[in-house]
Amino acid sequence: KLAYAPDASVWHSHERPVAYEFQRTYLVHRRLQALFG
């Protein structure tokens, strides 16, 4: 099993350059297609 524990919170977010976000999105969605179709 896997659990999500929202009471264990962290402060985390980014204001990244557009080019970085584009590359990251590309890589993530390449993997989402490969892993889950």
PDB file of all heavy atoms in Angstrom:
ATOM      1  N   LYS A   1       0.841  -1.192   0.000  1.00  0.00           N
ATOM      2  CA  LYS A   1       0.000   0.000   0.000  1.00  0.00           C
ATOM      3  C   LYS A   1       0.880   1.247   0.000  1.00  0.00           C
ATOM      4  O   LYS A   1       2.057   1.199   0.374  1.00  0.00           O
ATOM      5  CB  LYS A   1      -0.894   0.034   1.248  1.00  0.00           C
ATOM      6  CG  LYS A   1      -1.792  -1.173   1.440  1.00  0.00           C
ATOM      7  CD  LYS A   1      -2.527  -1.069   2.774  1.00  0.00           C
ATOM      8  CE  LYS A   1      -3.344  -2.310   3.075  1.00  0.00           C
ATOM      9  NZ  LYS A   1      -3.993  -2.225   4.425  1.00  0.00           N
ATOM     10  N   LEU A   2       0.277   2.376  -0.377  1.00  0.00           N
ATOM     11  CA  LEU A   2       0.926   3.679  -0.293  1.00  0.00           C
ATOM     12  C   LEU A   2      -0.014   4.656   0.398  1.00  0.00           C
ATOM     13  O   LEU A   2      -1.236   4.594   0.223  1.00  0.00           O
ATOM     14  CB  LEU A   2       1.270   4.206  -1.688  1.00  0.00           C
ATOM     15  CG  LEU A   2       2.334   3.426  -2.459  1.00  0.00           C
ATOM     16  CD1 LEU A   2       2.433   3.945  -3.881  1.00  0.00           C
ATOM     17  CD2 LEU A   2       3.682   3.515  -1.757  1.00  0.00           C
ATOM     18  N   ALA A   3       0.559   5.570   1.179  1.00  0.00           N
ATOM     19  CA  ALA A   3      -0.239   6.512   1.958  1.00  0.00           C
ATOM     20  C   ALA A   3       0.134   7.943   1.618  1.00  0.00           C
ATOM     21  O   ALA A   3       1.309   8.243   1.338  1.00  0.00           O
ATOM     22  CB  ALA A   3      -0.037   6.265   3.461  1.00  0.00           C
ATOM     23  N   TYR A   4      -0.858   8.801   1.653  1.00  0.00           N
ATOM     24  CA  TYR A   4      -0.643  10.242   1.545  1.00  0.00           C
ATOM     25  C   TYR A   4      -0.919  10.845   2.910  1.00  0.00           C
ATOM     26  O   TYR A   4      -1.986  10.626   3.489  1.00  0.00           O
ATOM     27  CB  TYR A   4      -1.563  10.845   0.488  1.00  0.00           C
ATOM     28  CG  TYR A   4      -1.596  12.352   0.466  1.00  0.00           C
ATOM     29  CD1 TYR A   4      -0.428  13.097   0.320  1.00  0.00           C
ATOM     30  CD2 TYR A   4      -2.801  13.037   0.586  1.00  0.00           C
ATOM     31  CE1 TYR A   4      -0.461  14.485   0.301  1.00  0.00           C
ATOM     32  CE2 TYR A   4      -2.843  14.420   0.557  1.00  0.00           C
ATOM     33  CZ  TYR A   4      -1.679  15.142   0.414  1.00  0.00           C
ATOM     34  OH  TYR A   4      -1.713  16.522   0.402  1.00  0.00           O
ATOM     35  N   ALA A   5       0.045  11.596   3.446  1.00  0.00           N
ATOM     36  CA  ALA A   5      -0.029  12.121   4.811  1.00  0.00           C
ATOM     37  C   ALA A   5      -0.026  13.648   4.778  1.00  0.00           C
ATOM     38  O   ALA A   5       1.038  14.274   4.893  1.00  0.00           O
ATOM     39  CB  ALA A   5       1.139  11.598   5.640  1.00  0.00           C
ATOM     40  N   PRO A   6      -1.180  14.285   4.614  1.00  0.00           N
ATOM     41  CA  PRO A   6      -1.212  15.746   4.469  1.00  0.00           C
ATOM     42  C   PRO A   6      -0.805  16.504   5.722  1.00  0.00           C
ATOM     43  O   PRO A   6      -0.427  17.678   5.633  1.00  0.00           O
ATOM     44  CB  PRO A   6      -2.672  16.029   4.100  1.00  0.00           C
ATOM     45  CG  PRO A   6      -3.440  14.858   4.629  1.00  0.00           C
ATOM     46  CD  PRO A   6      -2.528  13.692   4.493  1.00  0.00           C
ATOM     47  N   ASP A   7      -0.859  15.863   6.892  1.00  0.00           N
ATOM     48  CA  ASP A   7      -0.407  16.546   8.111  1.00  0.00           C
ATOM     49  C   ASP A   7       1.111  16.708   8.137  1.00  0.00           C
ATOM     50  O   ASP A   7       1.641  17.484   8.943  1.00  0.00           O
ATOM     51  CB  ASP A   7      -0.866  15.776   9.349  1.00  0.00           C
ATOM     52  CG  ASP A   7      -2.373  15.858   9.550  1.00  0.00           C
ATOM     53  OD1 ASP A   7      -2.994  16.790   8.992  1.00  0.00           O
ATOM     54  OD2 ASP A   7      -2.929  14.996  10.251  1.00  0.00           O
ATOM     55  N   ALA A   8       1.792  15.988   7.273  1.00  0.00           N
ATOM     56  CA  ALA A   8       3.242  16.140   7.135  1.00  0.00           C
ATOM     57  C   ALA A   8       3.492  17.108   5.981  1.00  0.00           C
ATOM     58  O   ALA A   8       3.743  16.699   4.851  1.00  0.00           O
ATOM     59  CB  ALA A   8       3.890  14.786   6.853  1.00  0.00           C
ATOM     60  N   SER A   9       3.422  18.397   6.274  1.00  0.00           N
ATOM     61  CA  SER A   9       3.497  19.412   5.219  1.00  0.00           C
ATOM     62  C   SER A   9       4.912  19.960   5.062  1.00  0.00           C
ATOM     63  O   SER A   9       5.659  20.077   6.036  1.00  0.00           O
ATOM     64  CB  SER A   9       2.554  20.580   5.535  1.00  0.00           C
ATOM     65  OG  SER A   9       1.213  20.143   5.563  1.00  0.00           O
ATOM     66  N   VAL A  10       5.235  20.314   3.815  1.00  0.00           N
ATOM     67  CA  VAL A  10       6.474  21.038   3.535  1.00  0.00           C
ATOM     68  C   VAL A  10       6.140  22.256   2.681  1.00  0.00           C
ATOM     69  O   VAL A  10       5.168  22.264   1.928  1.00  0.00           O
ATOM     70  CB  VAL A  10       7.514  20.157   2.790  1.00  0.00           C
ATOM     71  CG1 VAL A  10       7.983  19.020   3.678  1.00  0.00           C
ATOM     72  CG2 VAL A  10       6.960  19.623   1.477  1.00  0.00           C
ATOM     73  N   TRP A  11       6.968  23.296   2.848  1.00  0.00           N
ATOM     74  CA  TRP A  11       6.874  24.462   1.978  1.00  0.00           C
ATOM     75  C   TRP A  11       7.744  24.187   0.761  1.00  0.00           C
ATOM     76  O   TRP A  11       8.961  24.034   0.875  1.00  0.00           O
ATOM     77  CB  TRP A  11       7.363  25.721   2.696  1.00  0.00           C
ATOM     78  CG  TRP A  11       6.632  26.042   3.967  1.00  0.00           C
ATOM     79  CD1 TRP A  11       7.087  25.889   5.245  1.00  0.00           C
ATOM     80  CD2 TRP A  11       5.307  26.575   4.084  1.00  0.00           C
ATOM     81  NE1 TRP A  11       6.141  26.290   6.150  1.00  0.00           N
ATOM     82  CE2 TRP A  11       5.029  26.716   5.461  1.00  0.00           C
ATOM     83  CE3 TRP A  11       4.332  26.952   3.147  1.00  0.00           C
ATOM     84  CZ2 TRP A  11       3.822  27.216   5.924  1.00  0.00           C
ATOM     85  CZ3 TRP A  11       3.123  27.444   3.616  1.00  0.00           C
ATOM     86  CH2 TRP A  11       2.881  27.576   4.990  1.00  0.00           C
ATOM     87  N   HIS A  12       7.124  24.135  -0.420  1.00  0.00           N
ATOM     88  CA  HIS A  12       7.912  23.801  -1.605  1.00  0.00           C
ATOM     89  C   HIS A  12       7.198  24.231  -2.873  1.00  0.00           C
ATOM     90  O   HIS A  12       6.094  23.767  -3.166  1.00  0.00           O
ATOM     91  CB  HIS A  12       8.180  22.296  -1.680  1.00  0.00           C
ATOM     92  CG  HIS A  12       8.981  21.892  -2.882  1.00  0.00           C
ATOM     93  ND1 HIS A  12       8.407  21.356  -4.018  1.00  0.00           N
ATOM     94  CD2 HIS A  12      10.314  21.959  -3.131  1.00  0.00           C
ATOM     95  CE1 HIS A  12       9.350  21.107  -4.903  1.00  0.00           C
ATOM     96  NE2 HIS A  12      10.512  21.459  -4.395  1.00  0.00           N
ATOM     97  N   SER A  13       7.813  25.124  -3.621  1.00  0.00           N
ATOM     98  CA  SER A  13       7.346  25.507  -4.950  1.00  0.00           C
ATOM     99  C   SER A  13       8.468  26.259  -5.643  1.00  0.00           C
ATOM    100  O   SER A  13       9.476  26.611  -5.016  1.00  0.00           O
ATOM    101  CB  SER A  13       6.076  26.370  -4.877  1.00  0.00           C
ATOM    102  OG  SER A  13       6.318  27.575  -4.164  1.00  0.00           O
ATOM    103  N   HIS A  14       8.304  26.494  -6.939  1.00  0.00           N
ATOM    104  CA  HIS A  14       9.368  27.116  -7.727  1.00  0.00           C
ATOM    105  C   HIS A  14       8.796  28.174  -8.662  1.00  0.00           C
ATOM    106  O   HIS A  14       7.653  28.072  -9.113  1.00  0.00           O
ATOM    107  CB  HIS A  14      10.092  26.070  -8.579  1.00  0.00           C
ATOM    108  CG  HIS A  14      10.845  25.056  -7.793  1.00  0.00           C
ATOM    109  ND1 HIS A  14      12.090  25.302  -7.262  1.00  0.00           N
ATOM    110  CD2 HIS A  14      10.530  23.791  -7.437  1.00  0.00           C
ATOM    111  CE1 HIS A  14      12.517  24.222  -6.615  1.00  0.00           C
ATOM    112  NE2 HIS A  14      11.592  23.294  -6.706  1.00  0.00           N
ATOM    113  N   GLU A  15       9.624  29.168  -8.973  1.00  0.00           N
ATOM    114  CA  GLU A  15       9.336  30.143 -10.029  1.00  0.00           C
ATOM    115  C   GLU A  15      10.456  30.003 -11.062  1.00  0.00           C
ATOM    116  O   GLU A  15      11.386  30.791 -11.111  1.00  0.00           O
ATOM    117  CB  GLU A  15       9.282  31.570  -9.459  1.00  0.00           C
ATOM    118  CG  GLU A  15       8.356  31.748  -8.277  1.00  0.00           C
ATOM    119  CD  GLU A  15       6.889  31.624  -8.642  1.00  0.00           C
ATOM    120  OE1 GLU A  15       6.536  31.901  -9.812  1.00  0.00           O
ATOM    121  OE2 GLU A  15       6.096  31.242  -7.755  1.00  0.00           O
ATOM    122  N   ARG A  16      10.377  28.963 -11.864  1.00  0.00           N
ATOM    123  CA  ARG A  16      11.464  28.623 -12.774  1.00  0.00           C
ATOM    124  C   ARG A  16      11.323  29.343 -14.119  1.00  0.00           C
ATOM    125  O   ARG A  16      10.225  29.741 -14.510  1.00  0.00           O
ATOM    126  CB  ARG A  16      11.469  27.117 -13.027  1.00  0.00           C
ATOM    127  CG  ARG A  16      11.732  26.262 -11.776  1.00  0.00           C
ATOM    128  CD  ARG A  16      11.632  24.813 -12.175  1.00  0.00           C
ATOM    129  NE  ARG A  16      12.006  23.901 -11.111  1.00  0.00           N
ATOM    130  CZ  ARG A  16      11.215  22.928 -10.651  1.00  0.00           C
ATOM    131  NH1 ARG A  16       9.998  22.770 -11.152  1.00  0.00           N
ATOM    132  NH2 ARG A  16      11.626  22.121  -9.696  1.00  0.00           N
ATOM    133  N   PRO A  17      12.435  29.445 -14.855  1.00  0.00           N
ATOM    134  CA  PRO A  17      12.361  30.005 -16.206  1.00  0.00           C
ATOM    135  C   PRO A  17      11.439  29.189 -17.103  1.00  0.00           C
ATOM    136  O   PRO A  17      11.281  27.973 -16.922  1.00  0.00           O
ATOM    137  CB  PRO A  17      13.812  29.936 -16.695  1.00  0.00           C
ATOM    138  CG  PRO A  17      14.639  29.886 -15.457  1.00  0.00           C
ATOM    139  CD  PRO A  17      13.824  29.136 -14.448  1.00  0.00           C
ATOM    140  N   VAL A  18      10.853  29.842 -18.086  1.00  0.00           N
ATOM    141  CA  VAL A  18       9.913  29.180 -18.986  1.00  0.00           C
ATOM    142  C   VAL A  18      10.582  28.022 -19.718  1.00  0.00           C
ATOM    143  O   VAL A  18       9.992  26.940 -19.869  1.00  0.00           O
ATOM    144  CB  VAL A  18       9.320  30.197 -19.983  1.00  0.00           C
ATOM    145  CG1 VAL A  18       8.465  29.489 -21.038  1.00  0.00           C
ATOM    146  CG2 VAL A  18       8.489  31.245 -19.246  1.00  0.00           C
ATOM    147  N   ALA A  19      11.824  28.218 -20.171  1.00  0.00           N
ATOM    148  CA  ALA A  19      12.521  27.158 -20.904  1.00  0.00           C
ATOM    149  C   ALA A  19      12.706  25.915 -20.035  1.00  0.00           C
ATOM    150  O   ALA A  19      12.561  24.777 -20.513  1.00  0.00           O
ATOM    151  CB  ALA A  19      13.875  27.659 -21.400  1.00  0.00           C
ATOM    152  N   TYR A  20      13.023  26.114 -18.760  1.00  0.00           N
ATOM    153  CA  TYR A  20      13.174  24.980 -17.838  1.00  0.00           C
ATOM    154  C   TYR A  20      11.844  24.249 -17.678  1.00  0.00           C
ATOM    155  O   TYR A  20      11.787  23.012 -17.718  1.00  0.00           O
ATOM    156  CB  TYR A  20      13.683  25.480 -16.494  1.00  0.00           C
ATOM    157  CG  TYR A  20      13.934  24.386 -15.467  1.00  0.00           C
ATOM    158  CD1 TYR A  20      15.223  23.912 -15.229  1.00  0.00           C
ATOM    159  CD2 TYR A  20      12.888  23.817 -14.747  1.00  0.00           C
ATOM    160  CE1 TYR A  20      15.456  22.913 -14.289  1.00  0.00           C
ATOM    161  CE2 TYR A  20      13.108  22.814 -13.822  1.00  0.00           C
ATOM    162  CZ  TYR A  20      14.397  22.366 -13.598  1.00  0.00           C
ATOM    163  OH  TYR A  20      14.607  21.364 -12.676  1.00  0.00           O
ATOM    164  N   GLU A  21      10.766  24.999 -17.471  1.00  0.00           N
ATOM    165  CA  GLU A  21       9.456  24.383 -17.281  1.00  0.00           C
ATOM    166  C   GLU A  21       9.037  23.607 -18.523  1.00  0.00           C
ATOM    167  O   GLU A  21       8.411  22.549 -18.428  1.00  0.00           O
ATOM    168  CB  GLU A  21       8.421  25.442 -16.933  1.00  0.00           C
ATOM    169  CG  GLU A  21       8.604  26.079 -15.559  1.00  0.00           C
ATOM    170  CD  GLU A  21       8.257  25.141 -14.416  1.00  0.00           C
ATOM    171  OE1 GLU A  21       7.985  23.946 -14.656  1.00  0.00           O
ATOM    172  OE2 GLU A  21       8.277  25.600 -13.262  1.00  0.00           O
ATOM    173  N   PHE A  22       9.378  24.132 -19.701  1.00  0.00           N
ATOM    174  CA  PHE A  22       9.064  23.419 -20.934  1.00  0.00           C
ATOM    175  C   PHE A  22       9.796  22.080 -20.985  1.00  0.00           C
ATOM    176  O   PHE A  22       9.196  21.035 -21.277  1.00  0.00           O
ATOM    177  CB  PHE A  22       9.441  24.288 -22.134  1.00  0.00           C
ATOM    178  CG  PHE A  22       9.400  23.554 -23.444  1.00  0.00           C
ATOM    179  CD1 PHE A  22       8.204  23.098 -23.972  1.00  0.00           C
ATOM    180  CD2 PHE A  22      10.572  23.304 -24.155  1.00  0.00           C
ATOM    181  CE1 PHE A  22       8.164  22.407 -25.187  1.00  0.00           C
ATOM    182  CE2 PHE A  22      10.549  22.625 -25.353  1.00  0.00           C
ATOM    183  CZ  PHE A  22       9.338  22.177 -25.873  1.00  0.00           C
ATOM    184  N   GLN A  23      11.090  22.095 -20.700  1.00  0.00           N
ATOM    185  CA  GLN A  23      11.862  20.858 -20.729  1.00  0.00           C
ATOM    186  C   GLN A  23      11.353  19.857 -19.693  1.00  0.00           C
ATOM    187  O   GLN A  23      11.231  18.658 -19.985  1.00  0.00           O
ATOM    188  CB  GLN A  23      13.336  21.161 -20.477  1.00  0.00           C
ATOM    189  CG  GLN A  23      14.027  21.915 -21.576  1.00  0.00           C
ATOM    190  CD  GLN A  23      15.512  22.092 -21.307  1.00  0.00           C
ATOM    191  OE1 GLN A  23      16.178  21.184 -20.821  1.00  0.00           O
ATOM    192  NE2 GLN A  23      16.027  23.265 -21.602  1.00  0.00           N
ATOM    193  N   ARG A  24      11.070  20.353 -18.496  1.00  0.00           N
ATOM    194  CA  ARG A  24      10.585  19.458 -17.446  1.00  0.00           C
ATOM    195  C   ARG A  24       9.243  18.836 -17.826  1.00  0.00           C
ATOM    196  O   ARG A  24       9.021  17.644 -17.636  1.00  0.00           O
ATOM    197  CB  ARG A  24      10.468  20.227 -16.130  1.00  0.00           C
ATOM    198  CG  ARG A  24       9.997  19.359 -14.964  1.00  0.00           C
ATOM    199  CD  ARG A  24       9.934  20.138 -13.668  1.00  0.00           C
ATOM    200  NE  ARG A  24       9.403  19.313 -12.598  1.00  0.00           N
ATOM    201  CZ  ARG A  24      10.105  18.440 -11.887  1.00  0.00           C
ATOM    202  NH1 ARG A  24      11.392  18.290 -12.130  1.00  0.00           N
ATOM    203  NH2 ARG A  24       9.538  17.730 -10.929  1.00  0.00           N
ATOM    204  N   THR A  25       8.346  19.644 -18.349  1.00  0.00           N
ATOM    205  CA  THR A  25       7.031  19.142 -18.759  1.00  0.00           C
ATOM    206  C   THR A  25       7.175  18.093 -19.853  1.00  0.00           C
ATOM    207  O   THR A  25       6.500  17.055 -19.840  1.00  0.00           O
ATOM    208  CB  THR A  25       6.151  20.304 -19.238  1.00  0.00           C
ATOM    209  OG1 THR A  25       5.998  21.235 -18.167  1.00  0.00           O
ATOM    210  CG2 THR A  25       4.780  19.810 -19.671  1.00  0.00           C
ATOM    211  N   TYR A  26       8.056  18.356 -20.795  1.00  0.00           N
ATOM    212  CA  TYR A  26       8.319  17.399 -21.868  1.00  0.00           C
ATOM    213  C   TYR A  26       8.781  16.059 -21.299  1.00  0.00           C
ATOM    214  O   TYR A  26       8.257  14.987 -21.661  1.00  0.00           O
ATOM    215  CB  TYR A  26       9.373  17.988 -22.803  1.00  0.00           C
ATOM    216  CG  TYR A  26       9.926  17.037 -23.836  1.00  0.00           C
ATOM    217  CD1 TYR A  26       9.238  16.781 -25.020  1.00  0.00           C
ATOM    218  CD2 TYR A  26      11.158  16.407 -23.636  1.00  0.00           C
ATOM    219  CE1 TYR A  26       9.764  15.923 -25.977  1.00  0.00           C
ATOM    220  CE2 TYR A  26      11.689  15.549 -24.585  1.00  0.00           C
ATOM    221  CZ  TYR A  26      10.989  15.312 -25.754  1.00  0.00           C
ATOM    222  OH  TYR A  26      11.510  14.455 -26.691  1.00  0.00           O
ATOM    223  N   LEU A  27       9.754  16.092 -20.387  1.00  0.00           N
ATOM    224  CA  LEU A  27      10.278  14.855 -19.816  1.00  0.00           C
ATOM    225  C   LEU A  27       9.221  14.123 -18.992  1.00  0.00           C
ATOM    226  O   LEU A  27       9.084  12.898 -19.074  1.00  0.00           O
ATOM    227  CB  LEU A  27      11.493  15.156 -18.944  1.00  0.00           C
ATOM    228  CG  LEU A  27      12.772  15.573 -19.672  1.00  0.00           C
ATOM    229  CD1 LEU A  27      13.839  15.990 -18.674  1.00  0.00           C
ATOM    230  CD2 LEU A  27      13.287  14.447 -20.552  1.00  0.00           C
ATOM    231  N   VAL A  28       8.471  14.870 -18.171  1.00  0.00           N
ATOM    232  CA  VAL A  28       7.441  14.243 -17.340  1.00  0.00           C
ATOM    233  C   VAL A  28       6.398  13.552 -18.205  1.00  0.00           C
ATOM    234  O   VAL A  28       6.022  12.394 -17.954  1.00  0.00           O
ATOM    235  CB  VAL A  28       6.782  15.285 -16.423  1.00  0.00           C
ATOM    236  CG1 VAL A  28       5.505  14.720 -15.795  1.00  0.00           C
ATOM    237  CG2 VAL A  28       7.740  15.724 -15.323  1.00  0.00           C
ATOM    238  N   HIS A  29       5.938  14.213 -19.246  1.00  0.00           N
ATOM    239  CA  HIS A  29       4.855  13.641 -20.047  1.00  0.00           C
ATOM    240  C   HIS A  29       5.349  12.548 -20.984  1.00  0.00           C
ATOM    241  O   HIS A  29       4.562  11.682 -21.380  1.00  0.00           O
ATOM    242  CB  HIS A  29       4.102  14.751 -20.775  1.00  0.00           C
ATOM    243  CG  HIS A  29       3.192  15.490 -19.846  1.00  0.00           C
ATOM    244  ND1 HIS A  29       1.850  15.195 -19.721  1.00  0.00           N
ATOM    245  CD2 HIS A  29       3.443  16.470 -18.949  1.00  0.00           C
ATOM    246  CE1 HIS A  29       1.316  15.972 -18.809  1.00  0.00           C
ATOM    247  NE2 HIS A  29       2.255  16.748 -18.312  1.00  0.00           N
ATOM    248  N   ARG A  30       6.629  12.559 -21.297  1.00  0.00           N
ATOM    249  CA  ARG A  30       7.188  11.401 -21.991  1.00  0.00           C
ATOM    250  C   ARG A  30       7.125  10.181 -21.094  1.00  0.00           C
ATOM    251  O   ARG A  30       6.780   9.070 -21.533  1.00  0.00           O
ATOM    252  CB  ARG A  30       8.634  11.696 -22.402  1.00  0.00           C
ATOM    253  CG  ARG A  30       9.242  10.618 -23.300  1.00  0.00           C
ATOM    254  CD  ARG A  30      10.561  11.065 -23.887  1.00  0.00           C
ATOM    255  NE  ARG A  30      11.596  11.220 -22.882  1.00  0.00           N
ATOM    256  CZ  ARG A  30      12.833  11.642 -23.152  1.00  0.00           C
ATOM    257  NH1 ARG A  30      13.157  11.985 -24.402  1.00  0.00           N
ATOM    258  NH2 ARG A  30      13.731  11.756 -22.196  1.00  0.00           N
ATOM    259  N   ARG A  31       7.417  10.381 -19.811  1.00  0.00           N
ATOM    260  CA  ARG A  31       7.359   9.266 -18.856  1.00  0.00           C
ATOM    261  C   ARG A  31       5.926   8.848 -18.543  1.00  0.00           C
ATOM    262  O   ARG A  31       5.644   7.665 -18.368  1.00  0.00           O
ATOM    263  CB  ARG A  31       8.079   9.678 -17.573  1.00  0.00           C
ATOM    264  CG  ARG A  31       9.564   9.876 -17.744  1.00  0.00           C
ATOM    265  CD  ARG A  31      10.295   8.554 -17.829  1.00  0.00           C
ATOM    266  NE  ARG A  31      10.306   7.912 -16.518  1.00  0.00           N
ATOM    267  CZ  ARG A  31      10.292   6.589 -16.322  1.00  0.00           C
ATOM    268  NH1 ARG A  31      10.229   5.775 -17.349  1.00  0.00           N
ATOM    269  NH2 ARG A  31      10.333   6.101 -15.096  1.00  0.00           N
ATOM    270  N   LEU A  32       4.996   9.805 -18.459  1.00  0.00           N
ATOM    271  CA  LEU A  32       3.604   9.454 -18.174  1.00  0.00           C
ATOM    272  C   LEU A  32       3.021   8.585 -19.292  1.00  0.00           C
ATOM    273  O   LEU A  32       2.241   7.660 -19.033  1.00  0.00           O
ATOM    274  CB  LEU A  32       2.760  10.713 -17.991  1.00  0.00           C
ATOM    275  CG  LEU A  32       3.078  11.578 -16.775  1.00  0.00           C
ATOM    276  CD1 LEU A  32       2.095  12.751 -16.679  1.00  0.00           C
ATOM    277  CD2 LEU A  32       3.064  10.764 -15.480  1.00  0.00           C
ATOM    278  N   GLN A  33       3.390   8.885 -20.525  1.00  0.00           N
ATOM    279  CA  GLN A  33       2.948   8.045 -21.637  1.00  0.00           C
ATOM    280  C   GLN A  33       3.554   6.648 -21.527  1.00  0.00           C
ATOM    281  O   GLN A  33       2.871   5.637 -21.708  1.00  0.00           O
ATOM    282  CB  GLN A  33       3.334   8.696 -22.963  1.00  0.00           C
ATOM    283  CG  GLN A  33       3.078   7.841 -24.190  1.00  0.00           C
ATOM    284  CD  GLN A  33       1.611   7.605 -24.452  1.00  0.00           C
ATOM    285  OE1 GLN A  33       0.794   8.511 -24.325  1.00  0.00           O
ATOM    286  NE2 GLN A  33       1.251   6.380 -24.817  1.00  0.00           N
ATOM    287  N   ALA A  34       4.847   6.584 -21.205  1.00  0.00           N
ATOM    288  CA  ALA A  34       5.522   5.291 -21.129  1.00  0.00           C
ATOM    289  C   ALA A  34       5.017   4.450 -19.960  1.00  0.00           C
ATOM    290  O   ALA A  34       4.843   3.229 -20.089  1.00  0.00           O
ATOM    291  CB  ALA A  34       7.031   5.503 -21.010  1.00  0.00           C
ATOM    292  N   LEU A  35       4.776   5.087 -18.818  1.00  0.00           N
ATOM    293  CA  LEU A  35       4.382   4.348 -17.619  1.00  0.00           C
ATOM    294  C   LEU A  35       2.904   3.974 -17.612  1.00  0.00           C
ATOM    295  O   LEU A  35       2.536   2.858 -17.223  1.00  0.00           O
ATOM    296  CB  LEU A  35       4.695   5.175 -16.366  1.00  0.00           C
ATOM    297  CG  LEU A  35       6.161   5.350 -15.983  1.00  0.00           C
ATOM    298  CD1 LEU A  35       6.297   6.360 -14.851  1.00  0.00           C
ATOM    299  CD2 LEU A  35       6.779   4.016 -15.582  1.00  0.00           C
ATOM    300  N   PHE A  36       2.057   4.917 -18.000  1.00  0.00           N
ATOM    301  CA  PHE A  36       0.620   4.737 -17.808  1.00  0.00           C
ATOM    302  C   PHE A  36      -0.195   4.786 -19.097  1.00  0.00           C
ATOM    303  O   PHE A  36      -1.405   4.613 -19.064  1.00  0.00           O
ATOM    304  CB  PHE A  36       0.083   5.821 -16.857  1.00  0.00           C
ATOM    305  CG  PHE A  36       0.834   5.914 -15.566  1.00  0.00           C
ATOM    306  CD1 PHE A  36       1.530   7.060 -15.218  1.00  0.00           C
ATOM    307  CD2 PHE A  36       0.868   4.843 -14.682  1.00  0.00           C
ATOM    308  CE1 PHE A  36       2.224   7.149 -14.021  1.00  0.00           C
ATOM    309  CE2 PHE A  36       1.556   4.912 -13.486  1.00  0.00           C
ATOM    310  CZ  PHE A  36       2.247   6.070 -13.156  1.00  0.00           C
ATOM    311  N   GLY A  37       0.459   5.057 -20.225  1.00  0.00           N
ATOM    312  CA  GLY A  37      -0.277   5.231 -21.469  1.00  0.00           C
ATOM    313  C   GLY A  37      -1.059   6.527 -21.506  1.00  0.00           C
ATOM    314  O   GLY A  37      -2.037   6.651 -22.247  1.00  0.00           O
TER     315      GLY A  37
END
